């Protein structure tokens, strides 16, 4: 539905944590679980057509995402290697898409655009970020420990 109740709109996009999404690294898996739950809270608020609640849920998600990205980026710098730059690019893409969602919710107050961007964030995040984090988890496991 559009903002006026007409138009086509999107089917509510949801994202749920499943144990199969884990990488076997408890800290990383816990952060990912929080990210998935946070993003799903945004989707739920949008599905309920509540931009105010969506803005609050998005602020929580951004806090979780920012902390997670900071932790990973520090880890990537300590690990070195060529894969880090691609991983960081995925972080930037995700942060940019999230900022566009924030603008749609808080500035434009456009439910239709927010729904579209949230759906895009769910699909992009699952496909790209989890792929990148799976590769990072394998590198960590190969080292046998997280580098100090």
C-alpha atoms as a PDB file:
ATOM      1  CA  UNK A   1       0.000   0.000   0.000  1.00  0.00           C
ATOM      2  CA  UNK A   2       1.084   3.512  -0.619  1.00  0.00           C
ATOM      3  CA  UNK A   3       0.902   6.251   1.953  1.00  0.00           C
ATOM      4  CA  UNK A   4      -2.669   7.043   0.912  1.00  0.00           C
ATOM      5  CA  UNK A   5      -3.830   3.429   1.245  1.00  0.00           C
ATOM      6  CA  UNK A   6      -3.839   2.857  -2.509  1.00  0.00           C
ATOM      7  CA  UNK A   7      -1.297   1.546  -4.934  1.00  0.00           C
ATOM      8  CA  UNK A   8       0.453  -1.780  -4.929  1.00  0.00           C
ATOM      9  CA  UNK A   9       2.755  -1.838  -1.911  1.00  0.00           C
ATOM     10  CA  UNK A  10       4.781  -4.771  -0.711  1.00  0.00           C
ATOM     11  CA  UNK A  11       4.000  -7.972   1.076  1.00  0.00           C
ATOM     12  CA  UNK A  12       5.408  -7.642   4.579  1.00  0.00           C
ATOM     13  CA  UNK A  13       9.066  -8.671   4.564  1.00  0.00           C
ATOM     14  CA  UNK A  14      10.189 -10.544   7.659  1.00  0.00           C
ATOM     15  CA  UNK A  15      13.480 -11.993   8.766  1.00  0.00           C
ATOM     16  CA  UNK A  16      13.866 -14.630  11.489  1.00  0.00           C
ATOM     17  CA  UNK A  17      16.961 -16.017  13.162  1.00  0.00           C
ATOM     18  CA  UNK A  18      17.492 -19.726  12.580  1.00  0.00           C
ATOM     19  CA  UNK A  19      20.251 -21.730  14.205  1.00  0.00           C
ATOM     20  CA  UNK A  20      21.382 -22.760  10.713  1.00  0.00           C
ATOM     21  CA  UNK A  21      22.348 -19.102  10.176  1.00  0.00           C
ATOM     22  CA  UNK A  22      25.048 -19.446  12.844  1.00  0.00           C
ATOM     23  CA  UNK A  23      28.706 -19.932  12.075  1.00  0.00           C
ATOM     24  CA  UNK A  24      29.692 -21.739  15.255  1.00  0.00           C
ATOM     25  CA  UNK A  25      31.338 -18.649  16.763  1.00  0.00           C
ATOM     26  CA  UNK A  26      29.232 -17.728  19.782  1.00  0.00           C
ATOM     27  CA  UNK A  27      30.030 -14.005  19.859  1.00  0.00           C
ATOM     28  CA  UNK A  28      29.457 -13.493  16.141  1.00  0.00           C
ATOM     29  CA  UNK A  29      26.328 -15.625  16.189  1.00  0.00           C
ATOM     30  CA  UNK A  30      24.900 -13.650  19.138  1.00  0.00           C
ATOM     31  CA  UNK A  31      25.515 -10.363  17.318  1.00  0.00           C
ATOM     32  CA  UNK A  32      23.897 -11.691  14.163  1.00  0.00           C
ATOM     33  CA  UNK A  33      20.893 -12.898  16.167  1.00  0.00           C
ATOM     34  CA  UNK A  34      20.508  -9.372  17.601  1.00  0.00           C
ATOM     35  CA  UNK A  35      20.846  -7.848  14.117  1.00  0.00           C
ATOM     36  CA  UNK A  36      18.215 -10.162  12.655  1.00  0.00           C
ATOM     37  CA  UNK A  37      15.813  -9.447  15.517  1.00  0.00           C
ATOM     38  CA  UNK A  38      16.432  -5.703  15.231  1.00  0.00           C
ATOM     39  CA  UNK A  39      15.788  -5.653  11.505  1.00  0.00           C
ATOM     40  CA  UNK A  40      12.675  -7.770  11.921  1.00  0.00           C
ATOM     41  CA  UNK A  41      11.378  -5.236  14.474  1.00  0.00           C
ATOM     42  CA  UNK A  42      11.701  -2.532  11.804  1.00  0.00           C
ATOM     43  CA  UNK A  43       9.787  -4.706   9.342  1.00  0.00           C
ATOM     44  CA  UNK A  44       7.046  -5.390  11.891  1.00  0.00           C
ATOM     45  CA  UNK A  45       6.569  -1.681  12.595  1.00  0.00           C
ATOM     46  CA  UNK A  46       6.380  -0.923   8.881  1.00  0.00           C
ATOM     47  CA  UNK A  47       3.909  -3.731   8.350  1.00  0.00           C
ATOM     48  CA  UNK A  48       1.831  -2.163  11.118  1.00  0.00           C
ATOM     49  CA  UNK A  49       2.064   1.142   9.198  1.00  0.00           C
ATOM     50  CA  UNK A  50       3.669   2.829  12.214  1.00  0.00           C
ATOM     51  CA  UNK A  51       6.494   5.104  11.069  1.00  0.00           C
ATOM     52  CA  UNK A  52       7.169   6.284  14.629  1.00  0.00           C
ATOM     53  CA  UNK A  53       7.740   2.746  15.897  1.00  0.00           C
ATOM     54  CA  UNK A  54       9.727   1.950  12.752  1.00  0.00           C
ATOM     55  CA  UNK A  55      12.004   4.923  13.442  1.00  0.00           C
ATOM     56  CA  UNK A  56      12.645   3.752  17.007  1.00  0.00           C
ATOM     57  CA  UNK A  57      13.259   0.173  15.876  1.00  0.00           C
ATOM     58  CA  UNK A  58      15.589   1.409  13.144  1.00  0.00           C
ATOM     59  CA  UNK A  59      17.568   3.513  15.642  1.00  0.00           C
ATOM     60  CA  UNK A  60      18.042   0.366  17.754  1.00  0.00           C
ATOM     61  CA  UNK A  61      19.062  -1.618  14.662  1.00  0.00           C
ATOM     62  CA  UNK A  62      21.556   1.083  13.645  1.00  0.00           C
ATOM     63  CA  UNK A  63      23.132   0.989  17.118  1.00  0.00           C
ATOM     64  CA  UNK A  64      23.523  -2.790  16.915  1.00  0.00           C
ATOM     65  CA  UNK A  65      24.780  -2.651  13.319  1.00  0.00           C
ATOM     66  CA  UNK A  66      27.304   0.102  14.070  1.00  0.00           C
ATOM     67  CA  UNK A  67      28.752  -1.831  16.995  1.00  0.00           C
ATOM     68  CA  UNK A  68      28.875  -5.047  14.994  1.00  0.00           C
ATOM     69  CA  UNK A  69      30.566  -3.376  12.044  1.00  0.00           C
ATOM     70  CA  UNK A  70      33.097  -1.704  14.323  1.00  0.00           C
ATOM     71  CA  UNK A  71      33.990  -5.039  15.937  1.00  0.00           C
ATOM     72  CA  UNK A  72      34.350  -6.764  12.576  1.00  0.00           C
ATOM     73  CA  UNK A  73      36.329  -3.936  11.003  1.00  0.00           C
ATOM     74  CA  UNK A  74      38.791  -3.969  13.898  1.00  0.00           C
ATOM     75  CA  UNK A  75      39.106  -7.735  13.542  1.00  0.00           C
ATOM     76  CA  UNK A  76      39.623  -7.475   9.776  1.00  0.00           C
ATOM     77  CA  UNK A  77      42.395  -4.901  10.236  1.00  0.00           C
ATOM     78  CA  UNK A  78      44.162  -7.180  12.713  1.00  0.00           C
ATOM     79  CA  UNK A  79      43.798 -10.193  10.420  1.00  0.00           C
ATOM     80  CA  UNK A  80      44.971  -8.382   7.279  1.00  0.00           C
ATOM     81  CA  UNK A  81      44.596  -9.785   3.793  1.00  0.00           C
ATOM     82  CA  UNK A  82      42.816  -8.802   0.604  1.00  0.00           C
ATOM     83  CA  UNK A  83      39.361 -10.021   1.623  1.00  0.00           C
ATOM     84  CA  UNK A  84      39.006  -7.170   4.106  1.00  0.00           C
ATOM     85  CA  UNK A  85      38.382  -4.482   1.473  1.00  0.00           C
ATOM     86  CA  UNK A  86      35.474  -6.357  -0.091  1.00  0.00           C
ATOM     87  CA  UNK A  87      33.979  -7.022   3.340  1.00  0.00           C
ATOM     88  CA  UNK A  88      34.281  -3.340   4.228  1.00  0.00           C
ATOM     89  CA  UNK A  89      32.569  -2.411   0.956  1.00  0.00           C
ATOM     90  CA  UNK A  90      29.613  -4.602   1.939  1.00  0.00           C
ATOM     91  CA  UNK A  91      29.493  -2.800   5.286  1.00  0.00           C
ATOM     92  CA  UNK A  92      29.420   0.567   3.487  1.00  0.00           C
ATOM     93  CA  UNK A  93      26.654  -0.598   1.139  1.00  0.00           C
ATOM     94  CA  UNK A  94      24.584  -1.858   4.071  1.00  0.00           C
ATOM     95  CA  UNK A  95      25.129   1.363   6.037  1.00  0.00           C
ATOM     96  CA  UNK A  96      24.126   3.462   3.006  1.00  0.00           C
ATOM     97  CA  UNK A  97      20.950   1.460   2.442  1.00  0.00           C
ATOM     98  CA  UNK A  98      20.149   1.753   6.150  1.00  0.00           C
ATOM     99  CA  UNK A  99      20.664   5.532   6.019  1.00  0.00           C
ATOM    100  CA  UNK A 100      18.304   5.752   3.037  1.00  0.00           C
ATOM    101  CA  UNK A 101      15.741   3.816   5.068  1.00  0.00           C
ATOM    102  CA  UNK A 102      16.199   6.239   7.980  1.00  0.00           C
ATOM    103  CA  UNK A 103      15.587   9.190   5.636  1.00  0.00           C
ATOM    104  CA  UNK A 104      12.465   7.546   4.184  1.00  0.00           C
ATOM    105  CA  UNK A 105      11.073   6.998   7.690  1.00  0.00           C
ATOM    106  CA  UNK A 106      12.161  10.138   9.544  1.00  0.00           C
ATOM    107  CA  UNK A 107      12.483  12.831   6.874  1.00  0.00           C
ATOM    108  CA  UNK A 108      10.265  11.848   3.945  1.00  0.00           C
ATOM    109  CA  UNK A 109       7.721  10.019   6.153  1.00  0.00           C
ATOM    110  CA  UNK A 110       7.110   7.715   3.188  1.00  0.00           C
ATOM    111  CA  UNK A 111       5.759   4.336   4.215  1.00  0.00           C
ATOM    112  CA  UNK A 112       5.893   3.048   0.641  1.00  0.00           C
ATOM    113  CA  UNK A 113       9.567   3.972   0.192  1.00  0.00           C
ATOM    114  CA  UNK A 114      10.419   2.678   3.666  1.00  0.00           C
ATOM    115  CA  UNK A 115       8.772  -0.676   2.919  1.00  0.00           C
ATOM    116  CA  UNK A 116      10.689  -0.947  -0.341  1.00  0.00           C
ATOM    117  CA  UNK A 117      14.024  -0.082   1.314  1.00  0.00           C
ATOM    118  CA  UNK A 118      13.413  -2.422   4.255  1.00  0.00           C
ATOM    119  CA  UNK A 119      12.696  -5.273   1.855  1.00  0.00           C
ATOM    120  CA  UNK A 120      15.845  -4.389  -0.068  1.00  0.00           C
ATOM    121  CA  UNK A 121      17.854  -4.293   3.156  1.00  0.00           C
ATOM    122  CA  UNK A 122      16.579  -7.714   4.205  1.00  0.00           C
ATOM    123  CA  UNK A 123      17.435  -9.313   0.860  1.00  0.00           C
ATOM    124  CA  UNK A 124      20.772  -7.507   0.404  1.00  0.00           C
ATOM    125  CA  UNK A 125      21.807  -8.074   3.987  1.00  0.00           C
ATOM    126  CA  UNK A 126      21.041 -11.764   3.915  1.00  0.00           C
ATOM    127  CA  UNK A 127      22.740 -12.375   0.600  1.00  0.00           C
ATOM    128  CA  UNK A 128      25.821 -10.177   0.867  1.00  0.00           C
ATOM    129  CA  UNK A 129      26.545  -9.623   4.521  1.00  0.00           C
ATOM    130  CA  UNK A 130      25.967 -13.191   5.628  1.00  0.00           C
ATOM    131  CA  UNK A 131      28.083 -14.424   2.713  1.00  0.00           C
ATOM    132  CA  UNK A 132      30.901 -12.103   3.780  1.00  0.00           C
ATOM    133  CA  UNK A 133      30.558 -13.001   7.445  1.00  0.00           C
ATOM    134  CA  UNK A 134      30.586 -16.718   6.597  1.00  0.00           C
ATOM    135  CA  UNK A 135      33.946 -16.201   4.879  1.00  0.00           C
ATOM    136  CA  UNK A 136      35.218 -14.213   7.869  1.00  0.00           C
ATOM    137  CA  UNK A 137      34.071 -16.947  10.260  1.00  0.00           C
ATOM    138  CA  UNK A 138      35.971 -19.548   8.225  1.00  0.00           C
ATOM    139  CA  UNK A 139      39.128 -17.409   8.371  1.00  0.00           C
ATOM    140  CA  UNK A 140      38.756 -17.094  12.154  1.00  0.00           C
ATOM    141  CA  UNK A 141      38.229 -20.839  12.540  1.00  0.00           C
ATOM    142  CA  UNK A 142      41.307 -21.534  10.395  1.00  0.00           C
ATOM    143  CA  UNK A 143      43.372 -19.343  12.750  1.00  0.00           C
ATOM    144  CA  UNK A 144      42.054 -21.284  15.702  1.00  0.00           C
ATOM    145  CA  UNK A 145      41.332 -18.101  17.664  1.00  0.00           C
ATOM    146  CA  UNK A 146      40.390 -14.489  17.189  1.00  0.00           C
ATOM    147  CA  UNK A 147      43.583 -12.462  16.695  1.00  0.00           C
ATOM    148  CA  UNK A 148      44.490 -10.196  19.607  1.00  0.00           C
END
